[in-house]
Each structure stands twice: as structure tokens, then as C-alpha cells.
Amino acid sequence: MLPCMNKKYLGVECMGCGLQRAVAHLIRGEFIEAFFMYPAIYPLIGLLGFLIVNHFRSIKYANFIIPVLAILTVGTIFTSYIIKII
């Protein structure tokens, strides 16, 4: 795995710490462990999946759905980061 430069040089985890390990857990089929490693993995997958589907097939309310999914993903990232550093 690639080391986190933030953690390595500054001693502070970044908002993406745990993402690689969460993806590795998903590949192995360890879905609960992936969530506990990086809680934003599932909203992130949902957002990326929707963006890919919308790219190939135009979805009617995509202009509303994409910002909602993005806000949900970013909110989950911030919330899990704040909980992690507390």
C-alpha cells in the first residue's frame, strides 16, 4: 500500500487515510471491515457509479441527484474524519 505522506511527515491522518485499505477489504469481500476502515467508501462508490452510468446513459434528474450524492459523500468524509481525530 502507498503510505500517507500527511501521516508520515506531519503525524496527522488525512481525510483519505483508510481508503486504500477499504478498497482492499471490498475486493476480498469484507464489506463491514471496509466500512469501519473508511465509512465514506459506500457513498463514494454510489457517486462514482452514478456518474459512470450517467455518462453512458442520460438520466433525467441527474442535475439534482449528482449534487445530492456529492454532498452526502463529502459530508460522510468530513464527519468520519472529525470522529477519527477526536
PDB file of N, CA and C in Angstrom:
ATOM      1  N   MET A   1       0.830  -1.177   0.000  1.00  0.00           N
ATOM      2  CA  MET A   1       0.000   0.000   0.000  1.00  0.00           C
ATOM      3  C   MET A   1       0.882   1.251   0.000  1.00  0.00           C
ATOM      4  N   LEU A   2       0.377   2.285  -0.613  1.00  0.00           N
ATOM      5  CA  LEU A   2       1.083   3.555  -0.621  1.00  0.00           C
ATOM      6  C   LEU A   2       0.955   4.215   0.750  1.00  0.00           C
ATOM      7  N   PRO A   3       2.040   4.765   1.262  1.00  0.00           N
ATOM      8  CA  PRO A   3       1.950   5.426   2.568  1.00  0.00           C
ATOM      9  C   PRO A   3       1.289   6.793   2.438  1.00  0.00           C
ATOM     10  N   CYS A   4       0.657   7.236   3.504  1.00  0.00           N
ATOM     11  CA  CYS A   4       0.057   8.570   3.551  1.00  0.00           C
ATOM     12  C   CYS A   4       1.163   9.563   3.889  1.00  0.00           C
ATOM     13  N   MET A   5       1.450  10.465   2.976  1.00  0.00           N
ATOM     14  CA  MET A   5       2.525  11.445   3.195  1.00  0.00           C
ATOM     15  C   MET A   5       2.178  12.407   4.327  1.00  0.00           C
ATOM     16  N   ASN A   6       0.901  12.733   4.476  1.00  0.00           N
ATOM     17  CA  ASN A   6       0.476  13.583   5.586  1.00  0.00           C
ATOM     18  C   ASN A   6       0.833  12.948   6.920  1.00  0.00           C
ATOM     19  N   LYS A   7       0.471  11.695   7.059  1.00  0.00           N
ATOM     20  CA  LYS A   7       0.714  10.991   8.320  1.00  0.00           C
ATOM     21  C   LYS A   7       2.210  10.750   8.531  1.00  0.00           C
ATOM     22  N   LYS A   8       2.904  10.456   7.439  1.00  0.00           N
ATOM     23  CA  LYS A   8       4.322  10.144   7.539  1.00  0.00           C
ATOM     24  C   LYS A   8       5.149  11.368   7.946  1.00  0.00           C
ATOM     25  N   TYR A   9       4.879  12.514   7.341  1.00  0.00           N
ATOM     26  CA  TYR A   9       5.705  13.686   7.590  1.00  0.00           C
ATOM     27  C   TYR A   9       5.140  14.640   8.634  1.00  0.00           C
ATOM     28  N   LEU A  10       3.806  14.697   8.753  1.00  0.00           N
ATOM     29  CA  LEU A  10       3.207  15.633   9.705  1.00  0.00           C
ATOM     30  C   LEU A  10       2.661  14.945  10.947  1.00  0.00           C
ATOM     31  N   GLY A  11       2.483  13.627  10.872  1.00  0.00           N
ATOM     32  CA  GLY A  11       1.957  12.885  12.003  1.00  0.00           C
ATOM     33  C   GLY A  11       0.450  12.990  12.166  1.00  0.00           C
ATOM     34  N   VAL A  12      -0.231  13.521  11.158  1.00  0.00           N
ATOM     35  CA  VAL A  12      -1.678  13.704  11.204  1.00  0.00           C
ATOM     36  C   VAL A  12      -2.299  12.964  10.017  1.00  0.00           C
ATOM     37  N   GLU A  13      -3.356  12.199  10.295  1.00  0.00           N
ATOM     38  CA  GLU A  13      -4.023  11.496   9.206  1.00  0.00           C
ATOM     39  C   GLU A  13      -4.767  12.476   8.318  1.00  0.00           C
ATOM     40  N   CYS A  14      -4.832  12.159   7.030  1.00  0.00           N
ATOM     41  CA  CYS A  14      -5.581  12.997   6.101  1.00  0.00           C
ATOM     42  C   CYS A  14      -7.008  12.452   5.963  1.00  0.00           C
ATOM     43  N   MET A  15      -7.840  13.136   5.211  1.00  0.00           N
ATOM     44  CA  MET A  15      -9.232  12.714   5.049  1.00  0.00           C
ATOM     45  C   MET A  15      -9.361  11.457   4.189  1.00  0.00           C
ATOM     46  N   GLY A  16      -8.313  11.091   3.496  1.00  0.00           N
ATOM     47  CA  GLY A  16      -8.349   9.904   2.654  1.00  0.00           C
ATOM     48  C   GLY A  16      -7.684   8.689   3.279  1.00  0.00           C
ATOM     49  N   CYS A  17      -7.149   8.840   4.487  1.00  0.00           N
ATOM     50  CA  CYS A  17      -6.499   7.716   5.145  1.00  0.00           C
ATOM     51  C   CYS A  17      -7.499   6.587   5.364  1.00  0.00           C
ATOM     52  N   GLY A  18      -7.150   5.422   4.901  1.00  0.00           N
ATOM     53  CA  GLY A  18      -8.002   4.257   5.050  1.00  0.00           C
ATOM     54  C   GLY A  18      -8.706   3.857   3.766  1.00  0.00           C
ATOM     55  N   LEU A  19      -8.681   4.736   2.762  1.00  0.00           N
ATOM     56  CA  LEU A  19      -9.391   4.444   1.510  1.00  0.00           C
ATOM     57  C   LEU A  19      -8.792   3.240   0.785  1.00  0.00           C
ATOM     58  N   GLN A  20      -7.477   3.183   0.699  1.00  0.00           N
ATOM     59  CA  GLN A  20      -6.835   2.044   0.031  1.00  0.00           C
ATOM     60  C   GLN A  20      -7.155   0.730   0.738  1.00  0.00           C
ATOM     61  N   ARG A  21      -7.061   0.750   2.036  1.00  0.00           N
ATOM     62  CA  ARG A  21      -7.339  -0.464   2.797  1.00  0.00           C
ATOM     63  C   ARG A  21      -8.806  -0.851   2.695  1.00  0.00           C
ATOM     64  N   ALA A  22      -9.702   0.136   2.633  1.00  0.00           N
ATOM     65  CA  ALA A  22     -11.131  -0.150   2.472  1.00  0.00           C
ATOM     66  C   ALA A  22     -11.399  -0.800   1.122  1.00  0.00           C
ATOM     67  N   VAL A  23     -10.740  -0.319   0.076  1.00  0.00           N
ATOM     68  CA  VAL A  23     -10.896  -0.928  -1.253  1.00  0.00           C
ATOM     69  C   VAL A  23     -10.358  -2.356  -1.232  1.00  0.00           C
ATOM     70  N   ALA A  24      -9.246  -2.575  -0.555  1.00  0.00           N
ATOM     71  CA  ALA A  24      -8.698  -3.930  -0.442  1.00  0.00           C
ATOM     72  C   ALA A  24      -9.675  -4.846   0.285  1.00  0.00           C
ATOM     73  N   HIS A  25     -10.330  -4.351   1.333  1.00  0.00           N
ATOM     74  CA  HIS A  25     -11.341  -5.141   2.040  1.00  0.00           C
ATOM     75  C   HIS A  25     -12.519  -5.457   1.120  1.00  0.00           C
ATOM     76  N   LEU A  26     -12.938  -4.486   0.326  1.00  0.00           N
ATOM     77  CA  LEU A  26     -14.046  -4.724  -0.602  1.00  0.00           C
ATOM     78  C   LEU A  26     -13.701  -5.799  -1.621  1.00  0.00           C
ATOM     79  N   ILE A  27     -12.492  -5.751  -2.125  1.00  0.00           N
ATOM     80  CA  ILE A  27     -12.059  -6.753  -3.108  1.00  0.00           C
ATOM     81  C   ILE A  27     -12.079  -8.148  -2.499  1.00  0.00           C
ATOM     82  N   ARG A  28     -11.729  -8.244  -1.219  1.00  0.00           N
ATOM     83  CA  ARG A  28     -11.750  -9.545  -0.536  1.00  0.00           C
ATOM     84  C   ARG A  28     -13.144  -9.935  -0.064  1.00  0.00           C
ATOM     85  N   GLY A  29     -14.130  -9.038  -0.238  1.00  0.00           N
ATOM     86  CA  GLY A  29     -15.488  -9.341   0.177  1.00  0.00           C
ATOM     87  C   GLY A  29     -15.772  -9.049   1.635  1.00  0.00           C
ATOM     88  N   GLU A  30     -14.921  -8.292   2.275  1.00  0.00           N
ATOM     89  CA  GLU A  30     -15.076  -7.941   3.691  1.00  0.00           C
ATOM     90  C   GLU A  30     -15.747  -6.570   3.776  1.00  0.00           C
ATOM     91  N   PHE A  31     -17.073  -6.558   3.608  1.00  0.00           N
ATOM     92  CA  PHE A  31     -17.808  -5.309   3.459  1.00  0.00           C
ATOM     93  C   PHE A  31     -17.919  -4.515   4.759  1.00  0.00           C
ATOM     94  N   ILE A  32     -18.105  -5.191   5.867  1.00  0.00           N
ATOM     95  CA  ILE A  32     -18.210  -4.497   7.149  1.00  0.00           C
ATOM     96  C   ILE A  32     -16.864  -3.901   7.533  1.00  0.00           C
ATOM     97  N   GLU A  33     -15.784  -4.654   7.326  1.00  0.00           N
ATOM     98  CA  GLU A  33     -14.448  -4.148   7.631  1.00  0.00           C
ATOM     99  C   GLU A  33     -14.125  -2.931   6.770  1.00  0.00           C
ATOM    100  N   ALA A  34     -14.573  -2.952   5.502  1.00  0.00           N
ATOM    101  CA  ALA A  34     -14.345  -1.813   4.610  1.00  0.00           C
ATOM    102  C   ALA A  34     -15.037  -0.565   5.146  1.00  0.00           C
ATOM    103  N   PHE A  35     -16.253  -0.737   5.656  1.00  0.00           N
ATOM    104  CA  PHE A  35     -16.981   0.400   6.213  1.00  0.00           C
ATOM    105  C   PHE A  35     -16.264   0.958   7.433  1.00  0.00           C
ATOM    106  N   PHE A  36     -15.803   0.097   8.322  1.00  0.00           N
ATOM    107  CA  PHE A  36     -15.125   0.583   9.522  1.00  0.00           C
ATOM    108  C   PHE A  36     -13.758   1.187   9.202  1.00  0.00           C
ATOM    109  N   MET A  37     -13.133   0.755   8.124  1.00  0.00           N
ATOM    110  CA  MET A  37     -11.845   1.316   7.728  1.00  0.00           C
ATOM    111  C   MET A  37     -12.024   2.719   7.145  1.00  0.00           C
ATOM    112  N   TYR A  38     -13.064   2.900   6.311  1.00  0.00           N
ATOM    113  CA  TYR A  38     -13.320   4.189   5.664  1.00  0.00           C
ATOM    114  C   TYR A  38     -14.815   4.297   5.399  1.00  0.00           C
ATOM    115  N   PRO A  39     -15.571   4.907   6.326  1.00  0.00           N
ATOM    116  CA  PRO A  39     -17.037   4.929   6.218  1.00  0.00           C
ATOM    117  C   PRO A  39     -17.576   5.563   4.941  1.00  0.00           C
ATOM    118  N   ALA A  40     -16.820   6.422   4.300  1.00  0.00           N
ATOM    119  CA  ALA A  40     -17.309   7.093   3.096  1.00  0.00           C
ATOM    120  C   ALA A  40     -17.162   6.237   1.842  1.00  0.00           C
ATOM    121  N   ILE A  41     -16.711   4.995   1.980  1.00  0.00           N
ATOM    122  CA  ILE A  41     -16.484   4.156   0.806  1.00  0.00           C
ATOM    123  C   ILE A  41     -17.782   3.894   0.044  1.00  0.00           C
ATOM    124  N   TYR A  42     -18.861   3.660   0.749  1.00  0.00           N
ATOM    125  CA  TYR A  42     -20.114   3.326   0.070  1.00  0.00           C
ATOM    126  C   TYR A  42     -20.770   4.532  -0.598  1.00  0.00           C
ATOM    127  N   PRO A  43     -20.854   5.703   0.047  1.00  0.00           N
ATOM    128  CA  PRO A  43     -21.357   6.863  -0.701  1.00  0.00           C
ATOM    129  C   PRO A  43     -20.459   7.231  -1.888  1.00  0.00           C
ATOM    130  N   LEU A  44     -19.161   7.035  -1.732  1.00  0.00           N
ATOM    131  CA  LEU A  44     -18.229   7.318  -2.819  1.00  0.00           C
ATOM    132  C   LEU A  44     -18.454   6.379  -3.998  1.00  0.00           C
ATOM    133  N   ILE A  45     -18.662   5.102  -3.716  1.00  0.00           N
ATOM    134  CA  ILE A  45     -18.947   4.135  -4.777  1.00  0.00           C
ATOM    135  C   ILE A  45     -20.274   4.476  -5.454  1.00  0.00           C
ATOM    136  N   GLY A  46     -21.269   4.872  -4.651  1.00  0.00           N
ATOM    137  CA  GLY A  46     -22.556   5.260  -5.220  1.00  0.00           C
ATOM    138  C   GLY A  46     -22.433   6.457  -6.153  1.00  0.00           C
ATOM    139  N   LEU A  47     -21.669   7.461  -5.726  1.00  0.00           N
ATOM    140  CA  LEU A  47     -21.466   8.648  -6.554  1.00  0.00           C
ATOM    141  C   LEU A  47     -20.724   8.308  -7.841  1.00  0.00           C
ATOM    142  N   LEU A  48     -19.632   7.571  -7.727  1.00  0.00           N
ATOM    143  CA  LEU A  48     -18.865   7.209  -8.921  1.00  0.00           C
ATOM    144  C   LEU A  48     -19.676   6.323  -9.858  1.00  0.00           C
ATOM    145  N   GLY A  49     -20.416   5.381  -9.290  1.00  0.00           N
ATOM    146  CA  GLY A  49     -21.270   4.525 -10.117  1.00  0.00           C
ATOM    147  C   GLY A  49     -22.324   5.324 -10.852  1.00  0.00           C
ATOM    148  N   PHE A  50     -22.953   6.269 -10.169  1.00  0.00           N
ATOM    149  CA  PHE A  50     -23.968   7.104 -10.810  1.00  0.00           C
ATOM    150  C   PHE A  50     -23.356   7.959 -11.909  1.00  0.00           C
ATOM    151  N   LEU A  51     -22.171   8.516 -11.659  1.00  0.00           N
ATOM    152  CA  LEU A  51     -21.508   9.326 -12.681  1.00  0.00           C
ATOM    153  C   LEU A  51     -21.169   8.510 -13.919  1.00  0.00           C
ATOM    154  N   ILE A  52     -20.741   7.282 -13.724  1.00  0.00           N
ATOM    155  CA  ILE A  52     -20.411   6.419 -14.860  1.00  0.00           C
ATOM    156  C   ILE A  52     -21.665   6.074 -15.655  1.00  0.00           C
ATOM    157  N   VAL A  53     -22.732   5.685 -14.958  1.00  0.00           N
ATOM    158  CA  VAL A  53     -23.983   5.358 -15.643  1.00  0.00           C
ATOM    159  C   VAL A  53     -24.528   6.580 -16.369  1.00  0.00           C
ATOM    160  N   ASN A  54     -24.470   7.739 -15.727  1.00  0.00           N
ATOM    161  CA  ASN A  54     -24.974   8.969 -16.341  1.00  0.00           C
ATOM    162  C   ASN A  54     -24.153   9.371 -17.560  1.00  0.00           C
ATOM    163  N   HIS A  55     -22.882   9.022 -17.571  1.00  0.00           N
ATOM    164  CA  HIS A  55     -22.037   9.338 -18.722  1.00  0.00           C
ATOM    165  C   HIS A  55     -22.484   8.571 -19.964  1.00  0.00           C
ATOM    166  N   PHE A  56     -22.848   7.325 -19.786  1.00  0.00           N
ATOM    167  CA  PHE A  56     -23.224   6.492 -20.917  1.00  0.00           C
ATOM    168  C   PHE A  56     -24.718   6.545 -21.240  1.00  0.00           C
ATOM    169  N   ARG A  57     -25.521   6.845 -20.251  1.00  0.00           N
ATOM    170  CA  ARG A  57     -26.966   6.886 -20.449  1.00  0.00           C
ATOM    171  C   ARG A  57     -27.504   8.084 -19.668  1.00  0.00           C
ATOM    172  N   SER A  58     -28.063   9.026 -20.376  1.00  0.00           N
ATOM    173  CA  SER A  58     -28.537  10.249 -19.745  1.00  0.00           C
ATOM    174  C   SER A  58     -29.698   9.958 -18.797  1.00  0.00           C
ATOM    175  N   ILE A  59     -29.556  10.391 -17.558  1.00  0.00           N
ATOM    176  CA  ILE A  59     -30.581  10.184 -16.546  1.00  0.00           C
ATOM    177  C   ILE A  59     -31.318  11.507 -16.358  1.00  0.00           C
ATOM    178  N   LYS A  60     -32.633  11.420 -16.261  1.00  0.00           N
ATOM    179  CA  LYS A  60     -33.494  12.599 -16.293  1.00  0.00           C
ATOM    180  C   LYS A  60     -33.158  13.633 -15.212  1.00  0.00           C
ATOM    181  N   TYR A  61     -33.058  13.253 -13.973  1.00  0.00           N
ATOM    182  CA  TYR A  61     -32.836  14.192 -12.871  1.00  0.00           C
ATOM    183  C   TYR A  61     -31.389  14.181 -12.388  1.00  0.00           C
ATOM    184  N   ALA A  62     -30.455  13.934 -13.268  1.00  0.00           N
ATOM    185  CA  ALA A  62     -29.047  13.854 -12.886  1.00  0.00           C
ATOM    186  C   ALA A  62     -28.531  15.170 -12.323  1.00  0.00           C
ATOM    187  N   ASN A  63     -29.040  16.299 -12.821  1.00  0.00           N
ATOM    188  CA  ASN A  63     -28.586  17.606 -12.321  1.00  0.00           C
ATOM    189  C   ASN A  63     -28.972  17.826 -10.868  1.00  0.00           C
ATOM    190  N   PHE A  64     -29.944  17.106 -10.361  1.00  0.00           N
ATOM    191  CA  PHE A  64     -30.324  17.176  -8.961  1.00  0.00           C
ATOM    192  C   PHE A  64     -29.648  16.074  -8.150  1.00  0.00           C
ATOM    193  N   ILE A  65     -29.549  14.877  -8.715  1.00  0.00           N
ATOM    194  CA  ILE A  65     -29.032  13.712  -7.991  1.00  0.00           C
ATOM    195  C   ILE A  65     -27.534  13.822  -7.731  1.00  0.00           C
ATOM    196  N   ILE A  66     -26.775  14.295  -8.711  1.00  0.00           N
ATOM    197  CA  ILE A  66     -25.315  14.369  -8.567  1.00  0.00           C
ATOM    198  C   ILE A  66     -24.896  15.285  -7.407  1.00  0.00           C
ATOM    199  N   PRO A  67     -25.433  16.501  -7.292  1.00  0.00           N
ATOM    200  CA  PRO A  67     -25.045  17.326  -6.130  1.00  0.00           C
ATOM    201  C   PRO A  67     -25.462  16.718  -4.795  1.00  0.00           C
ATOM    202  N   VAL A  68     -26.618  16.054  -4.761  1.00  0.00           N
ATOM    203  CA  VAL A  68     -27.059  15.423  -3.511  1.00  0.00           C
ATOM    204  C   VAL A  68     -26.091  14.312  -3.118  1.00  0.00           C
ATOM    205  N   LEU A  69     -25.710  13.468  -4.080  1.00  0.00           N
ATOM    206  CA  LEU A  69     -24.755  12.398  -3.793  1.00  0.00           C
ATOM    207  C   LEU A  69     -23.386  12.965  -3.413  1.00  0.00           C
ATOM    208  N   ALA A  70     -22.976  14.048  -4.064  1.00  0.00           N
ATOM    209  CA  ALA A  70     -21.685  14.667  -3.745  1.00  0.00           C
ATOM    210  C   ALA A  70     -21.698  15.237  -2.329  1.00  0.00           C
ATOM    211  N   ILE A  71     -22.767  15.907  -1.947  1.00  0.00           N
ATOM    212  CA  ILE A  71     -22.869  16.461  -0.595  1.00  0.00           C
ATOM    213  C   ILE A  71     -22.890  15.345   0.437  1.00  0.00           C
ATOM    214  N   LEU A  72     -23.607  14.268   0.153  1.00  0.00           N
ATOM    215  CA  LEU A  72     -23.642  13.120   1.060  1.00  0.00           C
ATOM    216  C   LEU A  72     -22.252  12.518   1.224  1.00  0.00           C
ATOM    217  N   THR A  73     -21.523  12.389   0.129  1.00  0.00           N
ATOM    218  CA  THR A  73     -20.181  11.813   0.179  1.00  0.00           C
ATOM    219  C   THR A  73     -19.219  12.712   0.952  1.00  0.00           C
ATOM    220  N   VAL A  74     -19.203  13.991   0.628  1.00  0.00           N
ATOM    221  CA  VAL A  74     -18.301  14.921   1.311  1.00  0.00           C
ATOM    222  C   VAL A  74     -18.674  15.032   2.788  1.00  0.00           C
ATOM    223  N   GLY A  75     -19.962  15.059   3.087  1.00  0.00           N
ATOM    224  CA  GLY A  75     -20.394  15.104   4.481  1.00  0.00           C
ATOM    225  C   GLY A  75     -19.954  13.886   5.258  1.00  0.00           C
ATOM    226  N   THR A  76     -20.032  12.715   4.632  1.00  0.00           N
ATOM    227  CA  THR A  76     -19.583  11.486   5.283  1.00  0.00           C
ATOM    228  C   THR A  76     -18.075  11.513   5.507  1.00  0.00           C
ATOM    229  N   ILE A  77     -17.334  12.015   4.533  1.00  0.00           N
ATOM    230  CA  ILE A  77     -15.877  12.109   4.669  1.00  0.00           C
ATOM    231  C   ILE A  77     -15.513  13.034   5.832  1.00  0.00           C
ATOM    232  N   PHE A  78     -16.127  14.222   5.883  1.00  0.00           N
ATOM    233  CA  PHE A  78     -15.828  15.159   6.963  1.00  0.00           C
ATOM    234  C   PHE A  78     -16.241  14.618   8.325  1.00  0.00           C
ATOM    235  N   THR A  79     -17.424  14.039   8.386  1.00  0.00           N
ATOM    236  CA  THR A  79     -17.905  13.519   9.673  1.00  0.00           C
ATOM    237  C   THR A  79     -17.018  12.399  10.189  1.00  0.00           C
ATOM    238  N   SER A  80     -16.650  11.465   9.317  1.00  0.00           N
ATOM    239  CA  SER A  80     -15.797  10.362   9.761  1.00  0.00           C
ATOM    240  C   SER A  80     -14.405  10.864  10.136  1.00  0.00           C
ATOM    241  N   TYR A  81     -13.911  11.881   9.445  1.00  0.00           N
ATOM    242  CA  TYR A  81     -12.603  12.438   9.774  1.00  0.00           C
ATOM    243  C   TYR A  81     -12.634  13.114  11.148  1.00  0.00           C
ATOM    244  N   ILE A  82     -13.667  13.886  11.390  1.00  0.00           N
ATOM    245  CA  ILE A  82     -13.780  14.566  12.687  1.00  0.00           C
ATOM    246  C   ILE A  82     -13.898  13.553  13.816  1.00  0.00           C
ATOM    247  N   ILE A  83     -14.693  12.518  13.604  1.00  0.00           N
ATOM    248  CA  ILE A  83     -14.825  11.468  14.628  1.00  0.00           C
ATOM    249  C   ILE A  83     -13.485  10.768  14.848  1.00  0.00           C
ATOM    250  N   LYS A  84     -12.740  10.550  13.757  1.00  0.00           N
ATOM    251  CA  LYS A  84     -11.456   9.861  13.862  1.00  0.00           C
ATOM    252  C   LYS A  84     -10.431  10.678  14.653  1.00  0.00           C
ATOM    253  N   ILE A  85     -10.407  11.988  14.459  1.00  0.00           N
ATOM    254  CA  ILE A  85      -9.382  12.791  15.140  1.00  0.00           C
ATOM    255  C   ILE A  85      -9.778  13.125  16.578  1.00  0.00           C
ATOM    256  N   ILE A  86     -11.043  12.967  16.914  1.00  0.00           N
ATOM    257  CA  ILE A  86     -11.476  13.222  18.298  1.00  0.00           C
ATOM    258  C   ILE A  86     -11.157  12.009  19.072  1.00  0.00           C
TER     259      ILE A  86
END
